[in-house]
Every structure is written in structure tokens, then in C-alpha cells.
């Protein structure tokens, strides 16, 4: 059984009134929200890294 199947079965065990299609939709939406949140966090960190590199003095020159 794959991880998604396990998550679907866990969700259906907690909420027996859910159909398999509804559980799949819920899990998929949750994953999309997590991906979006992760992307926003990555963009924010990359912006900070770029800004800090621009402000850092260049030590390559002799």
C-alpha cells in the first residue's frame, strides 16, 4: 500500500461517512496547500540570501 492510500484509509477510518473520492480530494487539496506554503517559504529564504550576499563585502580582492 502506498503512502497516499494509507492516508486515505486513515482519514476514512476517522470519518466513516466519507467516500473514497472525497477523501482523495481532501488529501490532494491538503498537499497542494503544503506545496504552496513550502514554495512561499523557499522564495522568502532565497530573497534573504540574495539580499545578504549583496550587502556582504567582497573578500576576493587583494
Protein backbone atom coordinates (compact mmCIF):
# COMPACT_ATOMS: atom_id res chain seq x y z
CA UNK A 1 0.00 0.00 0.00
CA UNK A 2 1.33 3.42 -0.90
CA UNK A 3 1.56 6.33 1.47
CA UNK A 4 -1.38 8.15 -0.10
CA UNK A 5 -3.52 5.03 0.21
CA UNK A 6 -2.61 4.78 3.88
CA UNK A 7 -3.54 8.42 4.47
CA UNK A 8 -6.84 7.92 2.66
CA UNK A 9 -7.67 4.88 4.77
CA UNK A 10 -6.74 6.72 7.98
CA UNK A 11 -8.99 9.62 7.02
CA UNK A 12 -11.85 7.27 6.17
CA UNK A 13 -11.37 5.44 9.47
CA UNK A 14 -11.75 8.73 11.35
CA UNK A 15 -14.69 9.84 9.21
CA UNK A 16 -16.63 6.78 8.02
CA UNK A 17 -19.18 8.87 6.13
CA UNK A 18 -16.54 10.00 3.61
CA UNK A 19 -16.37 8.31 0.26
CA UNK A 20 -13.02 7.36 -1.20
CA UNK A 21 -13.27 10.13 -3.82
CA UNK A 22 -13.97 12.75 -1.14
CA UNK A 23 -11.02 11.53 0.92
CA UNK A 24 -8.74 11.69 -2.13
CA UNK A 25 -9.91 15.24 -2.83
CA UNK A 26 -9.23 16.31 0.78
CA UNK A 27 -5.74 14.77 0.79
CA UNK A 28 -4.91 16.30 -2.60
CA UNK A 29 -6.03 19.78 -1.51
CA UNK A 30 -4.02 19.48 1.69
CA UNK A 31 -0.91 18.51 -0.27
CA UNK A 32 -1.38 21.46 -2.62
CA UNK A 33 -1.65 23.86 0.33
CA UNK A 34 1.53 22.39 1.81
CA UNK A 35 3.39 22.75 -1.51
CA UNK A 36 2.27 26.37 -1.85
CA UNK A 37 3.33 27.17 1.72
CA UNK A 38 6.71 25.49 1.15
CA UNK A 39 7.26 27.46 -2.08
CA UNK A 40 6.48 30.77 -0.36
CA UNK A 41 8.91 29.93 2.44
CA UNK A 42 11.63 28.98 -0.06
CA UNK A 43 11.14 32.21 -2.01
CA UNK A 44 11.39 34.24 1.17
CA UNK A 45 14.62 32.49 2.21
CA UNK A 46 16.14 32.89 -1.24
CA UNK A 47 15.31 36.60 -1.19
CA UNK A 48 17.04 36.96 2.17
CA UNK A 49 20.11 35.07 0.91
CA UNK A 50 20.38 37.27 -2.19
CA UNK A 51 19.97 40.43 -0.12
CA UNK A 52 22.61 39.30 2.38
CA UNK A 53 25.07 38.37 -0.36
CA UNK A 54 24.62 41.78 -1.95
CA UNK A 55 25.35 43.50 1.37
CA UNK A 56 28.34 41.33 2.19
CA UNK A 57 31.73 42.96 1.48
CA UNK A 58 33.72 41.30 -1.29
CA UNK A 59 36.72 39.50 0.23
CA UNK A 60 38.10 38.18 -3.08
CA UNK A 61 40.01 41.39 -3.83
CA UNK A 62 43.55 41.69 -2.52
